[in-house]
Protein backbone atom coordinates (compact mmCIF):
# COMPACT_ATOMS: atom_id res chain seq x y z
CA MET A 1 123.20 211.47 182.38
CA SER A 2 122.69 208.06 183.74
CA SER A 3 119.92 205.83 182.22
CA ARG A 4 117.42 204.39 184.61
CA LYS A 5 115.98 200.81 184.42
CA PRO A 6 112.26 200.35 184.07
CA LEU A 7 110.35 200.23 187.29
CA LEU A 8 109.23 196.55 186.71
CA ILE A 9 112.81 195.39 186.23
CA GLN A 10 113.89 197.36 189.25
CA SER A 11 111.32 195.55 191.40
CA ILE A 12 112.34 192.00 190.26
CA ASN A 13 114.75 190.24 192.51
CA PRO A 14 117.49 188.30 190.63
CA ARG A 15 116.92 185.38 192.92
CA THR A 16 113.24 185.32 191.97
CA ILE A 17 114.20 185.28 188.29
CA PHE A 18 116.51 182.36 188.88
CA THR A 19 113.78 180.47 190.73
CA ILE A 20 111.34 181.03 187.88
CA ILE A 21 113.86 179.77 185.33
CA VAL A 22 114.50 176.63 187.43
CA TRP A 23 110.76 175.87 187.65
CA LEU A 24 110.33 176.38 183.93
CA ILE A 25 113.16 173.93 183.23
CA LEU A 26 111.66 171.45 185.69
CA ALA A 27 108.20 171.81 184.16
CA TRP A 28 109.67 171.21 180.70
CA VAL A 29 111.46 168.08 181.86
CA LEU A 30 108.33 166.69 183.55
CA ALA A 31 106.07 167.62 180.66
CA ARG A 32 107.81 165.24 178.19
CA PRO A 33 106.71 161.94 179.83
CA LEU A 34 103.29 163.44 180.57
CA GLN A 35 103.08 164.30 176.90
CA GLY A 36 103.63 160.59 176.07
CA ILE A 37 101.01 159.52 178.61
CA GLY A 38 98.54 162.03 177.22
CA LYS A 39 99.26 160.79 173.75
CA ASN A 40 98.67 157.20 174.84
CA VAL A 41 95.45 158.19 176.60
CA TYR A 42 94.35 160.02 173.48
CA LEU A 43 95.11 156.97 171.34
CA MET A 44 93.27 154.68 173.76
CA LEU A 45 90.22 156.95 173.80
CA GLY A 46 90.33 157.17 170.01
CA SER A 47 90.56 153.40 169.66
CA PHE A 48 87.71 152.87 172.14
CA THR A 49 85.56 155.42 170.31
CA ASN A 50 86.29 153.77 166.98
CA ASN A 51 85.40 150.36 168.40
CA VAL A 52 82.17 151.71 169.81
CA PHE A 53 81.22 153.29 166.50
CA GLU A 54 82.23 150.14 164.60
CA GLY A 55 80.14 148.05 167.00
CA LEU A 56 77.18 150.34 166.54
CA SER A 57 77.63 150.21 162.76
CA GLN A 58 77.84 146.43 162.80
CA SER A 59 74.76 146.23 165.06
CA LYS A 60 72.90 148.50 162.69
CA SER A 61 74.01 146.39 159.72
CA SER A 62 72.97 143.18 161.53
CA ALA A 63 69.59 144.69 162.38
CA GLU A 64 69.10 145.74 158.77
CA GLU A 65 70.15 142.28 157.55
CA LEU A 66 67.76 140.66 160.03
CA LEU A 67 64.95 142.90 158.87
CA GLN A 68 65.71 142.06 155.24
CA SER A 69 65.84 138.36 156.11
CA LYS A 70 62.43 138.57 157.79
CA LYS A 71 60.98 140.33 154.76
CA LEU A 72 62.51 137.73 152.45
CA LEU A 73 61.25 134.87 154.65
CA LYS A 74 57.76 136.36 154.72
CA LYS A 75 57.81 136.72 150.94
CA ARG A 76 58.97 133.12 150.49
CA ILE A 77 56.32 131.82 152.90
CA LYS A 78 53.69 133.67 150.86
CA THR A 79 55.11 132.18 147.66
CA ILE A 80 55.10 128.68 149.16
CA SER A 81 51.51 129.16 150.31
CA GLU A 82 50.45 130.29 146.84
CA LEU A 83 52.27 127.35 145.27
CA SER A 84 50.60 124.94 147.71
CA ILE A 85 47.18 126.32 146.76
CA ARG A 86 48.01 125.94 143.07
CA ILE A 87 49.27 122.39 143.63
CA ASN A 88 46.11 121.47 145.55
CA THR A 89 44.00 123.00 142.79
CA LEU A 90 45.89 121.05 140.14
CA GLU A 91 45.61 117.84 142.18
CA ASN A 92 41.86 118.36 142.55
CA GLN A 93 41.55 119.06 138.83
CA THR A 94 43.55 115.91 138.09
CA LYS A 95 41.35 113.84 140.39
CA GLU A 96 38.24 115.34 138.79
CA THR A 97 39.60 114.52 135.34
CA ASP A 98 40.41 110.97 136.44
CA ARG A 99 36.89 110.55 137.86
CA LEU A 100 35.27 111.81 134.68
CA LYS A 101 37.52 109.62 132.56
CA SER A 102 36.68 106.55 134.65
CA LEU A 103 32.96 107.34 134.32
CA LEU A 104 33.37 107.70 130.55
CA ASP A 105 35.17 104.36 130.37
CA LEU A 106 32.42 102.77 132.45
CA LYS A 107 29.76 104.36 130.26
CA ASN A 108 31.38 102.85 127.19
CA HIS A 109 31.34 99.38 128.75
CA VAL A 110 27.80 99.40 130.13
CA ASN A 111 25.09 98.28 127.70
CA TYR A 112 22.48 100.65 129.06
CA LYS A 113 21.29 104.19 128.48
CA THR A 114 23.55 106.20 130.80
CA ILE A 115 23.66 109.78 132.10
CA THR A 116 26.41 111.45 134.14
CA ALA A 117 25.43 113.62 137.11
CA SER A 118 27.00 115.50 139.99
CA VAL A 119 26.16 115.28 143.68
CA ILE A 120 24.86 118.68 144.80
CA GLY A 121 23.67 118.03 148.35
CA ARG A 122 22.72 115.81 151.25
CA SER A 123 19.91 115.81 153.73
CA ALA A 124 21.04 116.50 157.28
CA ASP A 125 18.47 114.00 158.54
CA ASN A 126 19.58 111.29 156.09
CA TRP A 127 23.28 112.06 155.67
CA HIS A 128 24.40 108.45 155.24
CA LYS A 129 21.20 107.34 153.50
CA GLN A 130 20.62 109.78 150.62
CA VAL A 131 22.30 112.25 148.25
CA ILE A 132 20.85 114.77 145.81
CA ILE A 133 22.05 114.88 142.18
CA ASN A 134 21.63 117.60 139.56
CA LYS A 135 19.65 115.59 137.01
CA GLY A 136 15.88 114.88 136.96
CA LYS A 137 12.82 114.39 134.78
CA MET A 138 14.05 116.86 132.17
CA GLN A 139 17.02 114.56 131.62
CA ASN A 140 14.81 111.44 131.52
CA ILE A 141 15.80 110.26 135.01
CA MET A 142 13.27 107.80 136.43
CA ILE A 143 12.56 106.23 139.82
CA GLY A 144 14.35 102.89 139.95
CA ASP A 145 17.34 104.01 137.87
CA SER A 146 20.63 102.73 139.26
CA VAL A 147 23.57 104.88 140.33
CA LEU A 148 27.22 103.84 140.40
CA THR A 149 30.79 104.97 139.80
CA SER A 150 33.79 103.23 138.31
CA LYS A 151 34.77 102.19 141.84
CA GLY A 152 31.52 100.64 142.95
CA ILE A 153 27.76 100.63 143.46
CA VAL A 154 26.27 103.84 144.90
CA GLY A 155 22.48 103.38 145.14
CA GLN A 156 19.17 103.85 143.37
CA ILE A 157 16.92 106.76 142.37
CA VAL A 158 13.94 107.00 144.74
CA GLU A 159 12.57 110.53 144.05
CA VAL A 160 12.64 112.64 140.89
CA ASP A 161 12.04 116.37 140.33
CA ASN A 162 12.40 118.33 137.10
CA HIS A 163 16.10 119.09 137.51
CA SER A 164 17.18 117.01 140.51
CA SER A 165 16.78 113.57 142.01
CA ILE A 166 17.29 111.79 145.32
CA VAL A 167 19.50 108.71 145.46
CA GLN A 168 19.05 106.13 148.19
CA LEU A 169 22.54 104.94 149.09
CA ILE A 170 23.51 101.31 149.69
CA SER A 171 24.70 102.47 153.11
CA ASP A 172 21.02 102.85 154.12
CA PRO A 173 20.19 99.91 156.45
CA SER A 174 16.80 99.57 154.76
CA TYR A 175 18.33 99.13 151.29
CA LYS A 176 18.93 95.55 150.09
CA LEU A 177 21.36 94.74 147.30
CA GLY A 178 21.79 91.34 145.70
CA CYS A 179 25.47 90.38 145.79
CA LYS A 180 27.80 87.46 145.38
CA VAL A 181 31.30 86.65 146.58
CA ASN A 182 33.34 86.93 143.42
CA LYS A 183 34.90 83.79 141.92
CA LYS A 184 32.97 81.63 144.41
CA ASN A 185 29.42 82.37 143.25
CA ILE A 186 28.19 82.54 146.85
CA LEU A 187 25.05 84.69 146.91
CA GLY A 188 23.96 87.03 149.67
CA ILE A 189 22.13 90.28 150.43
CA LEU A 190 24.02 93.46 151.37
CA SER A 191 22.43 96.05 153.67
CA GLY A 192 23.92 99.29 154.95
CA LYS A 193 25.61 99.85 158.29
CA THR A 194 27.71 103.03 157.90
CA ASN A 195 28.87 105.15 154.96
CA SER A 196 31.84 102.84 154.49
CA ILE A 197 30.68 99.47 155.90
CA GLY A 198 27.91 97.14 154.75
CA LEU A 199 26.60 93.85 156.17
CA LEU A 200 26.49 90.77 153.94
CA GLU A 201 23.63 88.53 155.13
CA PHE A 202 22.24 85.07 154.50
CA ILE A 203 25.64 83.38 154.18
CA PRO A 204 25.52 80.07 156.11
CA ILE A 205 28.15 79.10 158.69
CA GLY A 206 30.77 76.86 157.11
CA THR A 207 30.68 78.65 153.75
CA ASP A 208 34.06 78.89 152.02
CA ILE A 209 34.71 82.60 152.35
CA MET A 210 37.44 84.63 154.03
CA ALA A 211 38.53 88.20 154.73
CA GLY A 212 39.79 89.82 151.55
CA ASP A 213 37.24 88.20 149.25
CA ILE A 214 35.68 90.64 146.78
CA VAL A 215 31.91 91.19 146.77
CA VAL A 216 30.26 92.20 143.48
CA ALA A 217 26.76 92.85 142.14
CA SER A 218 25.03 89.54 141.41
CA GLY A 219 23.24 90.75 138.29
CA ILE A 220 20.21 88.63 139.11
CA ALA A 221 17.07 89.83 137.33
CA SER A 222 14.16 91.11 139.43
CA ARG A 223 10.47 91.32 138.46
CA ASN A 224 11.22 90.23 134.89
CA LEU A 225 13.47 93.29 134.37
CA SER A 226 17.10 93.37 133.28
CA PRO A 227 19.62 93.32 136.14
CA THR A 228 19.38 96.47 138.25
CA TYR A 229 23.18 96.72 138.32
CA PRO A 230 25.79 95.40 135.90
CA ALA A 231 26.72 91.85 136.96
CA GLY A 232 30.18 91.75 138.51
CA HIS A 233 30.40 95.48 139.27
CA PRO A 234 32.35 96.07 142.53
CA VAL A 235 30.47 96.40 145.82
CA GLY A 236 33.22 95.96 148.39
CA LYS A 237 35.68 93.67 150.15
CA ILE A 238 35.05 91.37 153.12
CA ILE A 239 36.94 92.63 156.18
CA LYS A 240 35.35 90.69 159.06
CA ILE A 241 33.68 87.29 159.48
CA SER A 242 32.25 86.01 162.76
CA ARG A 243 29.35 84.10 164.31
CA LYS A 244 28.61 86.90 166.76
CA LYS A 245 25.52 89.04 166.16
CA SER A 246 24.42 86.51 163.52
CA ARG A 247 20.90 85.24 163.14
CA GLY A 248 20.34 81.50 163.24
CA SER A 249 23.00 79.72 161.24
CA ASP A 250 24.16 82.73 159.23
CA LEU A 251 27.58 84.35 159.46
CA TYR A 252 28.06 87.97 160.49
CA ILE A 253 30.07 89.50 157.62
CA GLU A 254 31.25 93.09 157.32
CA VAL A 255 32.10 94.48 153.88
CA LYS A 256 34.25 97.55 153.24
CA LEU A 257 32.41 99.39 150.45
CA SER A 258 34.42 100.02 147.28
CA GLU A 259 33.12 103.57 146.80
CA ASP A 260 33.60 106.19 149.52
CA LEU A 261 30.05 107.47 149.90
CA ASN A 262 31.25 110.38 152.06
CA THR A 263 33.09 112.04 149.18
CA LEU A 264 30.82 111.40 146.21
CA SER A 265 31.05 114.02 143.48
CA ASP A 266 30.27 112.56 140.04
CA VAL A 267 28.13 109.49 139.36
CA LEU A 268 26.72 107.52 136.44
CA ILE A 269 22.98 106.82 136.18
CA PHE A 270 21.52 104.11 134.01
CA SER A 271 18.12 102.56 133.53
CA PRO A 272 17.62 98.80 133.27
CA ASP A 273 14.76 99.15 130.76
């Protein structure tokens, strides 16, 4: 009894089988270089992806570093600002201490009854003419008492209340102060012009004075009283001499005041009696 081949095998043509085998061999041969290309493409894609992720990571790190730097910079700016405030405070305290020390030294050298006071205000209408201090009748302040600092003459008490007083400044054009050019004994009268400049009057043309000469309180007695101001206490320094704007034969002389009347804070008051 003869065996029969399966129906599928019976229907396959040997030539077809041979053709299939040839194509398989050809596909295998061609697949090897394609496999290398695919591998290279895979490696290239992998490298590109890694570079992209590394770039993103670096960008993220840079952004984080930048953010941290900004926070650190902001913190340091705040610290610098706080230190600047502290330095300014210390400088102001040092200046205040120096002012008080200079007033104490002056008080020890002036042979009058003296009282220290602080400037607490100014009148808007008389800004360069008057200041208000925090001492008055209760502290034995009297009209006519003189006011000065270690740097120079300030003015004179013209009004007194229980706990405050008004000082007429030497920068007031109506105020007259007896002065002399130091070391030359040339006498004159100082009147106010601005808060920093005074006019020295009644100095004849031809008088031996020059810019840079120091002007001090004359110390001349008035109305049988002791000198209103300590003789020789600074008033200012001559900065300009001319014949313009002068009256008659007098020189026109501008004096830079020794004390800055715009920034007064602490003063010394003393009475000539």
